[in-house]
Amino acid sequence: MSNSIPNNTSISVTTSSGWSDYALLDSGDGMKLERYGEMLLSRPEPEAFWSKSLPPQDWAKANAAYNSPSQDENGTWTYRSRFNNPWIISIEGIHSKLELSSSRHIGLFPEQYPQWLWLRDHILEQHTPMKVLNLFGYTGMATLFAAQAGAQVTHVDASKKAVSWAKENQTLSDLQDKPVRWIVDDALKFVKREARRQNYYDAIVLDPPKFGRGPNGEVWEFYKYLPNLLSACESILSKQASFLLLTAYAVKASALTLQRAMQEKMQPRQGTISAGELAQQETASDRYLSRAIYALWKK
């Protein structure tokens, strides 16, 4: 039987056990228990359909628990003890504000921690300054890690609130002097305009949602628009471009699907393609919780 995966690709699992201000304590029965700084949070986690490892009394220590009718509907937080909202945590010298709202999201995706470290280290290894584009940049962790390493970063998100939050994190991290361009815009429209302007980037990071809306009501659907976005991104990569990193959440796709899509769109360029899952290790057991899939083209 022949190997159908090209020699320049690989499928892997990228894991993390967290850092000093974060830990995945336990998961199971459709929930996860995490520590962000001194705050313990209990939130739904559809991937965790096994049994919990920790006893109920440990889960009862959560400062707040999120309840939702379904994965796609907003719910409510139940506060079990005095809670400072918002609050600040630190990640390798970068500071992030966290906040509870009607959404289960709090402003950070900790499973991306290995990607932030790789991004920082890759930029530091380059001999010349890099121009980096961060699409669907959310609250700016990838942007700030890249800027801290010396890159000139353009941060794009359709949410004005998310961009404001990212700028606040920049100030909290004392990185105001770093060259970051903050833009509220639809990702695909922005990339197409950059192509017309012949404005090129040395690296692109994109983290598209399953579904979303742009600042002017533009509809984003992952399966419908991702191929066009990948093609558009390839067209604005500079001749010396070194990587394109794609991460995806809550989609009915596999790492192999992303790898195939990346392989097709990056056909004009030489390089290697790796793909896989982002997973977190629990402190209560040796289990890993799968959180996202990714694909990386690297020159």
Protein backbone atom coordinates (compact mmCIF):
# COMPACT_ATOMS: atom_id res chain seq x y z
CA MET A 1 0.00 0.00 0.00
CA SER A 2 1.44 3.38 -0.98
CA ASN A 3 1.68 6.33 1.38
CA SER A 4 -0.88 8.94 0.24
CA ILE A 5 0.62 11.74 2.37
CA PRO A 6 3.38 13.59 0.48
CA ASN A 7 6.93 13.37 1.84
CA ASN A 8 7.00 17.09 2.66
CA THR A 9 4.06 16.84 5.08
CA SER A 10 3.54 15.47 8.57
CA ILE A 11 0.61 14.96 10.95
CA SER A 12 1.30 15.40 14.66
CA VAL A 13 -0.13 16.35 18.05
CA THR A 14 1.25 19.51 19.66
CA THR A 15 0.79 19.40 23.43
CA SER A 16 1.14 21.75 26.36
CA SER A 17 0.80 21.40 30.12
CA GLY A 18 0.29 25.15 30.55
CA TRP A 19 2.45 27.73 32.33
CA SER A 20 2.64 29.28 35.81
CA ASP A 21 -0.58 31.30 35.43
CA TYR A 22 -2.59 28.57 33.70
CA ALA A 23 -3.40 24.88 34.11
CA LEU A 24 -6.01 22.45 32.84
CA LEU A 25 -6.83 20.69 36.09
CA ASP A 26 -9.38 18.12 34.95
CA SER A 27 -12.01 17.34 32.32
CA GLY A 28 -14.87 14.92 31.86
CA ASP A 29 -18.64 14.55 31.58
CA GLY A 30 -18.66 17.33 29.00
CA MET A 31 -16.86 19.84 31.23
CA LYS A 32 -13.35 21.18 31.93
CA LEU A 33 -11.83 22.70 35.06
CA GLU A 34 -9.09 25.30 34.54
CA ARG A 35 -6.97 27.68 36.60
CA TYR A 36 -6.31 31.17 35.26
CA GLY A 37 -4.08 32.89 37.77
CA GLU A 38 -5.86 32.40 41.09
CA MET A 39 -9.30 31.91 39.50
CA LEU A 40 -10.80 28.47 38.88
CA LEU A 41 -13.33 28.17 36.06
CA SER A 42 -15.65 25.34 35.09
CA ARG A 43 -16.84 25.41 31.46
CA PRO A 44 -18.51 23.07 28.95
CA GLU A 45 -16.17 20.95 26.82
CA PRO A 46 -17.86 18.65 24.26
CA GLU A 47 -14.61 16.76 23.57
CA ALA A 48 -14.46 15.56 27.20
CA PHE A 49 -16.95 12.69 27.08
CA TRP A 50 -14.98 10.54 29.54
CA SER A 51 -15.33 10.58 33.33
CA LYS A 52 -13.79 13.23 35.56
CA SER A 53 -10.63 12.34 37.48
CA LEU A 54 -11.00 14.76 40.38
CA PRO A 55 -13.69 14.34 43.08
CA PRO A 56 -16.77 16.62 43.17
CA GLN A 57 -15.35 18.66 46.06
CA ASP A 58 -12.46 19.78 43.84
CA TRP A 59 -14.82 20.88 41.08
CA ALA A 60 -16.90 22.70 43.69
CA LYS A 61 -13.91 24.99 44.34
CA ALA A 62 -14.44 26.72 40.97
CA ASN A 63 -14.92 30.46 41.45
CA ALA A 64 -17.34 30.51 38.51
CA ALA A 65 -19.12 27.93 36.37
CA TYR A 66 -20.62 28.45 32.91
CA ASN A 67 -23.96 26.92 31.91
CA SER A 68 -25.38 26.95 28.37
CA PRO A 69 -28.39 25.32 26.69
CA SER A 70 -26.14 24.20 23.82
CA GLN A 71 -22.63 24.67 22.45
CA ASP A 72 -23.81 27.38 20.03
CA GLU A 73 -25.98 29.39 22.44
CA ASN A 74 -24.93 31.95 25.02
CA GLY A 75 -25.45 30.98 28.62
CA THR A 76 -24.82 32.36 32.09
CA TRP A 77 -22.04 32.30 34.66
CA THR A 78 -22.75 31.16 38.20
CA TYR A 79 -20.43 32.76 40.75
CA ARG A 80 -19.58 30.51 43.66
CA SER A 81 -17.27 32.88 45.50
CA ARG A 82 -16.00 36.44 45.38
CA PHE A 83 -14.69 37.09 41.89
CA ASN A 84 -12.53 39.85 40.44
CA ASN A 85 -13.85 40.47 36.93
CA PRO A 86 -11.90 41.35 34.83
CA TRP A 87 -8.50 40.11 35.99
CA ILE A 88 -4.99 39.87 34.56
CA ILE A 89 -2.68 36.91 33.93
CA SER A 90 0.87 36.74 32.57
CA ILE A 91 2.27 34.57 29.78
CA GLU A 92 6.04 34.72 29.21
CA GLY A 93 6.11 38.44 29.95
CA ILE A 94 2.94 39.18 27.97
CA HIS A 95 -0.08 40.27 30.04
CA SER A 96 -3.65 39.44 29.13
CA LYS A 97 -6.90 40.76 30.52
CA LEU A 98 -9.54 38.06 31.06
CA GLU A 99 -13.23 38.74 31.48
CA LEU A 100 -16.43 36.76 31.95
CA SER A 101 -19.40 37.67 29.74
CA SER A 102 -22.47 36.01 28.23
CA SER A 103 -20.08 34.01 26.06
CA ARG A 104 -18.16 31.05 27.45
CA HIS A 105 -15.00 32.61 25.98
CA ILE A 106 -12.91 34.73 28.33
CA GLY A 107 -10.34 36.34 26.02
CA LEU A 108 -7.66 33.65 25.72
CA PHE A 109 -7.15 30.27 24.06
CA PRO A 110 -4.41 28.68 26.23
CA GLU A 111 -3.94 25.67 23.93
CA GLN A 112 -2.25 28.06 21.48
CA TYR A 113 0.61 28.60 23.95
CA PRO A 114 3.05 26.34 22.00
CA GLN A 115 2.24 28.28 18.83
CA TRP A 116 2.97 31.62 20.52
CA LEU A 117 6.35 30.31 21.68
CA TRP A 118 7.16 28.92 18.24
CA LEU A 119 6.14 32.21 16.62
CA ARG A 120 8.36 34.21 18.96
CA ASP A 121 11.35 31.90 18.55
CA HIS A 122 11.01 31.72 14.76
CA ILE A 123 10.99 35.51 14.46
CA LEU A 124 13.97 35.87 16.78
CA GLU A 125 15.93 33.44 14.58
CA GLN A 126 15.51 35.58 11.46
CA HIS A 127 18.33 37.84 10.33
CA THR A 128 16.05 40.63 9.12
CA PRO A 129 12.87 42.18 10.59
CA MET A 130 9.67 40.41 9.53
CA LYS A 131 6.30 41.78 8.45
CA VAL A 132 3.61 39.60 10.02
CA LEU A 133 -0.13 39.64 9.32
CA ASN A 134 -2.43 38.28 12.04
CA LEU A 135 -5.96 37.64 10.73
CA PHE A 136 -8.87 37.04 13.12
CA GLY A 137 -6.40 38.33 15.72
CA TYR A 138 -8.90 38.37 18.63
CA THR A 139 -7.28 39.76 21.81
CA GLY A 140 -3.80 39.85 20.35
CA MET A 141 -1.64 37.14 21.93
CA ALA A 142 -0.02 36.08 18.63
CA THR A 143 0.35 39.74 17.68
CA LEU A 144 2.08 40.66 20.93
CA PHE A 145 4.41 37.65 20.94
CA ALA A 146 5.43 38.53 17.37
CA ALA A 147 5.88 42.21 18.21
CA GLN A 148 7.87 41.40 21.33
CA ALA A 149 10.24 39.36 19.14
CA GLY A 150 10.81 42.32 16.83
CA ALA A 151 8.28 41.84 14.04
CA GLN A 152 6.24 44.58 12.41
CA VAL A 153 2.68 43.32 12.86
CA THR A 154 -0.66 44.08 11.22
CA HIS A 155 -3.52 42.86 13.43
CA VAL A 156 -6.94 42.41 11.79
CA ASP A 157 -10.23 41.47 13.43
CA ALA A 158 -13.85 42.17 12.51
CA SER A 159 -14.73 42.95 16.13
CA LYS A 160 -14.01 46.48 17.35
CA LYS A 161 -14.28 45.18 20.91
CA ALA A 162 -11.64 42.49 20.27
CA VAL A 163 -9.22 44.99 18.72
CA SER A 164 -9.71 47.38 21.65
CA TRP A 165 -9.06 44.48 24.03
CA ALA A 166 -5.88 43.58 22.13
CA LYS A 167 -4.65 47.18 22.32
CA GLU A 168 -5.33 47.13 26.06
CA ASN A 169 -3.22 43.96 26.35
CA GLN A 170 -0.45 45.77 24.45
CA THR A 171 -0.48 48.53 27.07
CA LEU A 172 -0.62 46.03 29.95
CA SER A 173 2.44 44.33 28.44
CA ASP A 174 4.32 47.63 28.07
CA LEU A 175 4.72 47.09 24.32
CA GLN A 176 3.30 50.42 23.15
CA ASP A 177 6.55 51.23 21.37
CA LYS A 178 6.32 48.15 19.15
CA PRO A 179 5.17 48.63 15.51
CA VAL A 180 1.64 47.20 15.52
CA ARG A 181 -1.05 48.32 13.08
CA TRP A 182 -4.57 47.71 14.49
CA ILE A 183 -7.37 47.26 11.93
CA VAL A 184 -11.09 46.51 12.30
CA ASP A 185 -12.09 44.86 9.02
CA ASP A 186 -13.37 41.75 7.30
CA ALA A 187 -10.37 39.45 6.82
CA LEU A 188 -11.00 38.41 3.22
CA LYS A 189 -11.79 41.95 2.07
CA PHE A 190 -8.66 43.26 3.77
CA VAL A 191 -6.38 40.63 2.19
CA LYS A 192 -7.81 41.30 -1.28
CA ARG A 193 -7.17 45.02 -0.85
CA GLU A 194 -3.61 44.32 0.25
CA ALA A 195 -3.13 42.25 -2.92
CA ARG A 196 -4.32 45.17 -5.09
CA ARG A 197 -1.96 47.47 -3.19
CA GLN A 198 0.87 44.95 -3.66
CA ASN A 199 1.49 45.03 0.07
CA TYR A 200 3.29 41.80 0.97
CA TYR A 201 3.98 39.97 4.24
CA ASP A 202 6.73 37.61 5.37
CA ALA A 203 4.38 35.53 7.51
CA ILE A 204 0.64 35.14 8.07
CA VAL A 205 -1.22 33.78 11.10
CA LEU A 206 -4.94 33.10 10.76
CA ASP A 207 -7.42 31.74 13.27
CA PRO A 208 -10.84 31.82 11.56
CA PRO A 209 -14.04 30.94 13.43
CA LYS A 210 -16.62 28.45 12.24
CA PHE A 211 -19.06 31.31 11.64
CA GLY A 212 -18.85 35.05 12.07
CA ARG A 213 -19.78 38.48 10.77
CA GLY A 214 -17.62 41.35 9.61
CA PRO A 215 -17.94 44.96 10.80
CA ASN A 216 -20.41 45.71 7.97
CA GLY A 217 -22.43 42.53 8.32
CA GLU A 218 -20.22 40.40 6.04
CA VAL A 219 -20.90 36.70 6.66
CA TRP A 220 -18.00 34.32 7.28
CA GLU A 221 -18.57 30.57 6.86
CA PHE A 222 -15.50 28.39 7.34
CA TYR A 223 -16.05 25.82 4.59
CA LYS A 224 -17.40 28.31 2.08
CA TYR A 225 -14.74 31.00 2.34
CA LEU A 226 -11.56 29.37 3.70
CA PRO A 227 -10.27 28.18 0.28
CA ASN A 228 -10.64 31.72 -1.12
CA LEU A 229 -8.93 33.20 1.93
CA LEU A 230 -6.00 30.78 1.69
CA SER A 231 -5.54 31.64 -2.00
CA ALA A 232 -5.69 35.35 -1.20
CA CYS A 233 -3.15 34.92 1.62
CA GLU A 234 -0.73 33.07 -0.65
CA SER A 235 -0.90 35.97 -3.11
CA ILE A 236 0.32 38.49 -0.52
CA LEU A 237 3.20 36.42 0.86
CA SER A 238 6.53 37.97 -0.03
CA LYS A 239 9.20 36.10 -2.02
CA GLN A 240 11.13 35.54 1.19
CA ALA A 241 8.02 34.55 3.20
CA SER A 242 8.76 31.92 5.84
CA PHE A 243 5.40 30.58 7.08
CA LEU A 244 1.60 30.51 6.96
CA LEU A 245 -0.08 29.18 10.11
CA LEU A 246 -3.78 28.22 10.16
CA THR A 247 -5.69 27.17 13.31
CA ALA A 248 -9.34 26.06 13.35
CA TYR A 249 -11.90 25.44 16.09
CA ALA A 250 -15.30 23.74 16.35
CA VAL A 251 -15.42 22.65 12.72
CA LYS A 252 -16.27 19.24 11.31
CA ALA A 253 -12.87 18.86 9.72
CA SER A 254 -9.68 16.99 10.49
CA ALA A 255 -6.05 18.00 10.56
CA LEU A 256 -5.69 16.05 7.33
CA THR A 257 -8.40 18.25 5.76
CA LEU A 258 -6.46 21.40 6.65
CA GLN A 259 -3.22 19.82 5.43
CA ARG A 260 -4.79 19.04 2.04
CA ALA A 261 -6.22 22.54 1.73
CA MET A 262 -2.87 24.09 2.63
CA GLN A 263 -1.03 21.79 0.23
CA GLU A 264 -3.24 22.84 -2.68
CA LYS A 265 -3.09 26.58 -2.01
CA MET A 266 0.67 26.66 -1.32
CA GLN A 267 1.48 24.63 -4.43
CA PRO A 268 3.39 27.53 -6.09
CA ARG A 269 5.86 27.67 -3.17
CA GLN A 270 8.52 25.29 -1.96
CA GLY A 271 8.40 24.25 1.64
CA THR A 272 7.08 21.74 4.14
CA ILE A 273 3.57 21.35 5.48
CA SER A 274 2.82 20.04 8.96
CA ALA A 275 -0.64 19.56 10.42
CA GLY A 276 -2.13 18.16 13.55
CA GLU A 277 -4.01 18.85 16.75
CA LEU A 278 -3.44 21.21 19.64
CA ALA A 279 -3.95 19.31 22.87
CA GLN A 280 -3.64 20.13 26.57
CA GLN A 281 -2.44 17.79 29.29
CA GLU A 282 -4.42 17.65 32.51
CA THR A 283 -2.63 18.02 35.82
CA ALA A 284 -4.96 15.45 37.42
CA SER A 285 -4.07 12.63 35.01
CA ASP A 286 -2.00 11.72 31.96
CA ARG A 287 -4.91 12.48 29.62
CA TYR A 288 -4.73 14.99 26.80
CA LEU A 289 -7.71 17.10 25.76
CA SER A 290 -7.89 17.91 22.06
CA ARG A 291 -8.76 21.57 21.51
CA ALA A 292 -8.08 22.58 17.90
CA ILE A 293 -6.56 21.54 14.59
CA TYR A 294 -3.87 23.37 12.67
CA ALA A 295 -1.82 23.38 9.48
CA LEU A 296 1.54 25.09 8.99
CA TRP A 297 3.38 25.83 5.74
CA LYS A 298 7.02 26.66 6.36
CA LYS A 299 9.63 27.59 3.80
